[in-house]
Amino acid sequence: AVLRARRGEGPSLIEARTIRWVGHFEGDPQAYRTKAEVEEGRRTDPIARLRRLLEARGLLDAAHAERVGAGIVAELEDAVAHAEASPLPAPRDALTDLFAYYPWSG
């Protein structure tokens, strides 16, 4: 994908496959998968793998990774605070923008 982009051949789609580490809801017993599947997902997590690769190549150190992580946490906390401080939407807006309209769909 990098070489393709450098040659000016346009964008590429990169698929990073992973699994949810937690269930669908708080307290989900996750009976639909084994603990081994979850552990395998954690072990092969693409973000963790990228971090290990960057660290191994000397392109990322722990201090910088911690700063990035702290920035992400701060951004998420700001977003949650904003959402909690915002007024609730009107009930009539519950279905707004829920479905896409395609002119050819009638």
N, C-alpha and C. Protein backbone atom coordinates (compact mmCIF):
# COMPACT_ATOMS: atom_id res chain seq x y z
N ALA A 1 0.83 -1.19 0.00
CA ALA A 1 0.00 0.00 0.00
C ALA A 1 0.87 1.26 0.00
N VAL A 2 1.98 1.21 0.75
CA VAL A 2 2.86 2.38 0.80
C VAL A 2 3.48 2.63 -0.56
N LEU A 3 4.00 1.58 -1.19
CA LEU A 3 4.61 1.75 -2.51
C LEU A 3 3.58 2.24 -3.52
N ARG A 4 2.39 1.70 -3.45
CA ARG A 4 1.32 2.12 -4.36
C ARG A 4 1.04 3.61 -4.19
N ALA A 5 0.96 4.07 -2.96
CA ALA A 5 0.71 5.49 -2.70
C ALA A 5 1.87 6.35 -3.18
N ARG A 6 3.09 5.89 -2.93
CA ARG A 6 4.26 6.66 -3.36
C ARG A 6 4.36 6.77 -4.87
N ARG A 7 3.85 5.76 -5.56
CA ARG A 7 3.85 5.81 -7.03
C ARG A 7 2.70 6.65 -7.57
N GLY A 8 1.87 7.17 -6.67
CA GLY A 8 0.75 8.00 -7.10
C GLY A 8 -0.40 7.22 -7.68
N GLU A 9 -0.52 5.96 -7.30
CA GLU A 9 -1.55 5.10 -7.86
C GLU A 9 -2.85 5.13 -7.07
N GLY A 10 -3.00 6.10 -6.21
CA GLY A 10 -4.26 6.25 -5.48
C GLY A 10 -4.28 5.54 -4.15
N PRO A 11 -5.41 5.62 -3.50
CA PRO A 11 -5.53 5.06 -2.16
C PRO A 11 -5.63 3.53 -2.18
N SER A 12 -5.37 2.95 -1.04
CA SER A 12 -5.52 1.50 -0.84
C SER A 12 -6.37 1.27 0.39
N LEU A 13 -7.04 0.17 0.41
CA LEU A 13 -7.80 -0.23 1.58
C LEU A 13 -6.96 -1.21 2.37
N ILE A 14 -6.75 -0.91 3.64
CA ILE A 14 -5.99 -1.80 4.50
C ILE A 14 -6.96 -2.37 5.52
N GLU A 15 -7.09 -3.68 5.53
CA GLU A 15 -8.00 -4.34 6.46
C GLU A 15 -7.21 -4.80 7.67
N ALA A 16 -7.58 -4.33 8.84
CA ALA A 16 -6.95 -4.74 10.10
C ALA A 16 -8.00 -5.53 10.88
N ARG A 17 -7.91 -6.83 10.84
CA ARG A 17 -8.92 -7.67 11.47
C ARG A 17 -8.61 -7.87 12.94
N THR A 18 -9.64 -7.74 13.75
CA THR A 18 -9.51 -7.93 15.18
C THR A 18 -10.85 -8.38 15.74
N ILE A 19 -10.90 -8.59 17.03
CA ILE A 19 -12.16 -8.95 17.68
C ILE A 19 -12.42 -7.99 18.82
N ARG A 20 -13.66 -7.97 19.28
CA ARG A 20 -13.98 -7.21 20.50
C ARG A 20 -13.35 -7.94 21.68
N TRP A 21 -12.75 -7.22 22.58
CA TRP A 21 -12.16 -7.84 23.77
C TRP A 21 -13.20 -8.07 24.85
N VAL A 22 -14.29 -7.37 24.75
CA VAL A 22 -15.36 -7.50 25.74
C VAL A 22 -16.64 -7.89 25.02
N GLY A 23 -17.65 -8.26 25.78
CA GLY A 23 -18.90 -8.71 25.19
C GLY A 23 -19.71 -7.58 24.59
N HIS A 24 -20.92 -7.93 24.20
CA HIS A 24 -21.82 -6.96 23.58
C HIS A 24 -22.40 -5.97 24.60
N PHE A 25 -22.37 -6.34 25.87
CA PHE A 25 -22.93 -5.48 26.92
C PHE A 25 -22.23 -5.81 28.23
N GLU A 26 -22.35 -4.91 29.19
CA GLU A 26 -21.75 -5.11 30.51
C GLU A 26 -22.33 -6.38 31.12
N GLY A 27 -21.48 -7.29 31.51
CA GLY A 27 -21.93 -8.54 32.11
C GLY A 27 -22.19 -9.65 31.11
N ASP A 28 -21.91 -9.42 29.83
CA ASP A 28 -22.10 -10.45 28.80
C ASP A 28 -21.20 -11.64 29.12
N PRO A 29 -21.76 -12.84 29.31
CA PRO A 29 -20.92 -14.00 29.63
C PRO A 29 -20.10 -14.50 28.45
N GLN A 30 -20.36 -14.00 27.26
CA GLN A 30 -19.63 -14.36 26.05
C GLN A 30 -19.58 -15.87 25.82
N ALA A 31 -20.71 -16.52 26.02
CA ALA A 31 -20.79 -17.97 25.83
C ALA A 31 -20.59 -18.38 24.37
N TYR A 32 -20.61 -17.43 23.47
CA TYR A 32 -20.49 -17.70 22.05
C TYR A 32 -19.03 -17.81 21.59
N ARG A 33 -18.08 -17.64 22.50
CA ARG A 33 -16.67 -17.82 22.14
C ARG A 33 -15.88 -18.25 23.36
N THR A 34 -14.72 -18.83 23.09
CA THR A 34 -13.90 -19.35 24.19
C THR A 34 -12.94 -18.27 24.69
N LYS A 35 -12.42 -18.50 25.88
CA LYS A 35 -11.41 -17.58 26.41
C LYS A 35 -10.17 -17.60 25.53
N ALA A 36 -9.88 -18.75 24.94
CA ALA A 36 -8.72 -18.86 24.05
C ALA A 36 -8.88 -17.95 22.84
N GLU A 37 -10.10 -17.84 22.31
CA GLU A 37 -10.34 -16.95 21.17
C GLU A 37 -10.08 -15.49 21.55
N VAL A 38 -10.54 -15.11 22.73
CA VAL A 38 -10.33 -13.73 23.19
C VAL A 38 -8.84 -13.47 23.39
N GLU A 39 -8.14 -14.40 24.01
CA GLU A 39 -6.70 -14.23 24.23
C GLU A 39 -5.95 -14.17 22.91
N GLU A 40 -6.35 -14.98 21.94
CA GLU A 40 -5.72 -14.93 20.62
C GLU A 40 -5.96 -13.57 19.98
N GLY A 41 -7.16 -13.04 20.15
CA GLY A 41 -7.46 -11.71 19.62
C GLY A 41 -6.61 -10.64 20.26
N ARG A 42 -6.40 -10.74 21.55
CA ARG A 42 -5.54 -9.76 22.24
C ARG A 42 -4.09 -9.89 21.77
N ARG A 43 -3.65 -11.13 21.60
CA ARG A 43 -2.26 -11.37 21.20
C ARG A 43 -1.98 -10.85 19.79
N THR A 44 -2.96 -10.96 18.92
CA THR A 44 -2.76 -10.58 17.52
C THR A 44 -3.38 -9.22 17.19
N ASP A 45 -3.76 -8.45 18.20
CA ASP A 45 -4.37 -7.14 17.99
C ASP A 45 -3.49 -6.28 17.08
N PRO A 46 -4.04 -5.74 15.99
CA PRO A 46 -3.21 -4.99 15.05
C PRO A 46 -2.58 -3.73 15.63
N ILE A 47 -3.25 -3.08 16.57
CA ILE A 47 -2.68 -1.86 17.16
C ILE A 47 -1.49 -2.22 18.04
N ALA A 48 -1.64 -3.25 18.86
CA ALA A 48 -0.52 -3.68 19.71
C ALA A 48 0.64 -4.19 18.86
N ARG A 49 0.32 -4.91 17.78
CA ARG A 49 1.38 -5.40 16.89
C ARG A 49 2.13 -4.24 16.25
N LEU A 50 1.41 -3.21 15.83
CA LEU A 50 2.07 -2.04 15.24
C LEU A 50 2.96 -1.36 16.26
N ARG A 51 2.48 -1.22 17.49
CA ARG A 51 3.30 -0.59 18.53
C ARG A 51 4.59 -1.38 18.73
N ARG A 52 4.48 -2.71 18.84
CA ARG A 52 5.69 -3.53 19.03
C ARG A 52 6.65 -3.37 17.85
N LEU A 53 6.12 -3.32 16.65
CA LEU A 53 6.96 -3.16 15.46
C LEU A 53 7.68 -1.81 15.49
N LEU A 54 6.95 -0.74 15.79
CA LEU A 54 7.56 0.59 15.84
C LEU A 54 8.61 0.68 16.93
N GLU A 55 8.33 0.07 18.08
CA GLU A 55 9.31 0.07 19.17
C GLU A 55 10.55 -0.72 18.77
N ALA A 56 10.36 -1.87 18.14
CA ALA A 56 11.49 -2.71 17.73
C ALA A 56 12.37 -2.00 16.71
N ARG A 57 11.79 -1.17 15.89
CA ARG A 57 12.55 -0.44 14.87
C ARG A 57 13.08 0.90 15.38
N GLY A 58 12.83 1.19 16.65
CA GLY A 58 13.31 2.44 17.23
C GLY A 58 12.54 3.66 16.78
N LEU A 59 11.33 3.47 16.28
CA LEU A 59 10.53 4.58 15.79
C LEU A 59 9.54 5.09 16.83
N LEU A 60 9.42 4.39 17.94
CA LEU A 60 8.50 4.77 19.00
C LEU A 60 9.10 4.37 20.33
N ASP A 61 9.07 5.29 21.28
CA ASP A 61 9.53 4.92 22.62
C ASP A 61 8.34 4.98 23.58
N ALA A 62 8.52 4.39 24.73
CA ALA A 62 7.43 4.27 25.70
C ALA A 62 6.88 5.64 26.12
N ALA A 63 7.77 6.61 26.29
CA ALA A 63 7.32 7.94 26.73
C ALA A 63 6.40 8.58 25.70
N HIS A 64 6.77 8.47 24.43
CA HIS A 64 5.93 9.05 23.37
C HIS A 64 4.60 8.30 23.28
N ALA A 65 4.66 6.99 23.37
CA ALA A 65 3.43 6.19 23.33
C ALA A 65 2.50 6.57 24.48
N GLU A 66 3.06 6.81 25.65
CA GLU A 66 2.25 7.22 26.80
C GLU A 66 1.63 8.60 26.57
N ARG A 67 2.38 9.52 25.97
CA ARG A 67 1.83 10.85 25.67
C ARG A 67 0.68 10.74 24.68
N VAL A 68 0.86 9.92 23.67
CA VAL A 68 -0.21 9.73 22.68
C VAL A 68 -1.44 9.14 23.37
N GLY A 69 -1.22 8.12 24.18
CA GLY A 69 -2.33 7.49 24.90
C GLY A 69 -3.05 8.46 25.82
N ALA A 70 -2.28 9.28 26.52
CA ALA A 70 -2.88 10.27 27.41
C ALA A 70 -3.70 11.29 26.62
N GLY A 71 -3.21 11.67 25.45
CA GLY A 71 -3.95 12.60 24.60
C GLY A 71 -5.27 12.00 24.13
N ILE A 72 -5.24 10.72 23.80
CA ILE A 72 -6.46 10.04 23.36
C ILE A 72 -7.47 9.98 24.51
N VAL A 73 -6.99 9.62 25.70
CA VAL A 73 -7.88 9.56 26.86
C VAL A 73 -8.48 10.93 27.14
N ALA A 74 -7.67 11.98 27.07
CA ALA A 74 -8.17 13.34 27.31
C ALA A 74 -9.23 13.72 26.28
N GLU A 75 -8.99 13.37 25.03
CA GLU A 75 -9.96 13.68 23.97
C GLU A 75 -11.28 12.95 24.21
N LEU A 76 -11.19 11.69 24.61
CA LEU A 76 -12.41 10.92 24.90
C LEU A 76 -13.15 11.50 26.10
N GLU A 77 -12.40 11.86 27.13
CA GLU A 77 -13.04 12.45 28.32
C GLU A 77 -13.73 13.76 27.98
N ASP A 78 -13.10 14.57 27.12
CA ASP A 78 -13.73 15.83 26.68
C ASP A 78 -15.01 15.55 25.91
N ALA A 79 -14.98 14.54 25.05
CA ALA A 79 -16.17 14.20 24.26
C ALA A 79 -17.30 13.73 25.16
N VAL A 80 -16.98 12.91 26.15
CA VAL A 80 -18.01 12.43 27.09
C VAL A 80 -18.57 13.60 27.88
N ALA A 81 -17.71 14.48 28.37
CA ALA A 81 -18.17 15.64 29.13
C ALA A 81 -19.08 16.52 28.28
N HIS A 82 -18.72 16.71 27.03
CA HIS A 82 -19.55 17.51 26.12
C HIS A 82 -20.91 16.85 25.92
N ALA A 83 -20.89 15.54 25.69
CA ALA A 83 -22.16 14.81 25.48
C ALA A 83 -23.04 14.88 26.72
N GLU A 84 -22.44 14.70 27.88
CA GLU A 84 -23.22 14.73 29.12
C GLU A 84 -23.77 16.12 29.43
N ALA A 85 -23.06 17.16 29.01
CA ALA A 85 -23.50 18.53 29.26
C ALA A 85 -24.51 19.02 28.21
N SER A 86 -24.63 18.30 27.12
CA SER A 86 -25.53 18.71 26.04
C SER A 86 -26.97 18.34 26.39
N PRO A 87 -27.91 19.13 25.88
CA PRO A 87 -29.32 18.79 26.12
C PRO A 87 -29.70 17.51 25.38
N LEU A 88 -30.67 16.81 25.92
CA LEU A 88 -31.16 15.61 25.24
C LEU A 88 -31.87 16.02 23.96
N PRO A 89 -31.78 15.20 22.93
CA PRO A 89 -32.48 15.54 21.68
C PRO A 89 -33.99 15.39 21.87
N ALA A 90 -34.72 16.05 21.01
CA ALA A 90 -36.18 15.92 21.04
C ALA A 90 -36.56 14.51 20.60
N PRO A 91 -37.58 13.93 21.20
CA PRO A 91 -37.99 12.57 20.81
C PRO A 91 -38.24 12.43 19.31
N ARG A 92 -38.76 13.48 18.68
CA ARG A 92 -39.06 13.40 17.24
C ARG A 92 -37.79 13.20 16.40
N ASP A 93 -36.63 13.49 16.99
CA ASP A 93 -35.37 13.34 16.26
C ASP A 93 -34.77 11.94 16.39
N ALA A 94 -35.45 11.05 17.10
CA ALA A 94 -34.90 9.71 17.35
C ALA A 94 -34.61 8.94 16.06
N LEU A 95 -35.40 9.16 15.04
CA LEU A 95 -35.21 8.43 13.79
C LEU A 95 -34.58 9.27 12.69
N THR A 96 -34.17 10.49 13.01
CA THR A 96 -33.55 11.36 12.03
C THR A 96 -32.21 10.78 11.59
N ASP A 97 -31.98 10.75 10.31
CA ASP A 97 -30.72 10.27 9.73
C ASP A 97 -30.41 8.82 10.09
N LEU A 98 -31.43 8.06 10.37
CA LEU A 98 -31.24 6.66 10.71
C LEU A 98 -31.08 5.81 9.46
N PHE A 99 -31.76 6.19 8.41
CA PHE A 99 -31.71 5.45 7.16
C PHE A 99 -31.22 6.36 6.04
N ALA A 100 -30.47 5.79 5.13
CA ALA A 100 -30.02 6.55 3.97
C ALA A 100 -31.11 6.53 2.91
N TYR A 101 -31.27 7.63 2.23
CA TYR A 101 -32.22 7.70 1.13
C TYR A 101 -31.43 7.63 -0.16
N TYR A 102 -31.81 6.73 -1.01
CA TYR A 102 -31.20 6.61 -2.32
C TYR A 102 -32.27 6.93 -3.35
N PRO A 103 -32.01 7.88 -4.24
CA PRO A 103 -33.03 8.28 -5.21
C PRO A 103 -33.58 7.11 -6.02
N TRP A 104 -32.77 6.12 -6.30
CA TRP A 104 -33.22 4.99 -7.11
C TRP A 104 -34.04 3.97 -6.32
N SER A 105 -34.11 4.14 -4.99
CA SER A 105 -34.82 3.14 -4.19
C SER A 105 -36.32 3.41 -4.10
N GLY A 106 -36.76 4.52 -4.67
CA GLY A 106 -38.19 4.81 -4.70
C GLY A 106 -38.60 5.51 -3.51
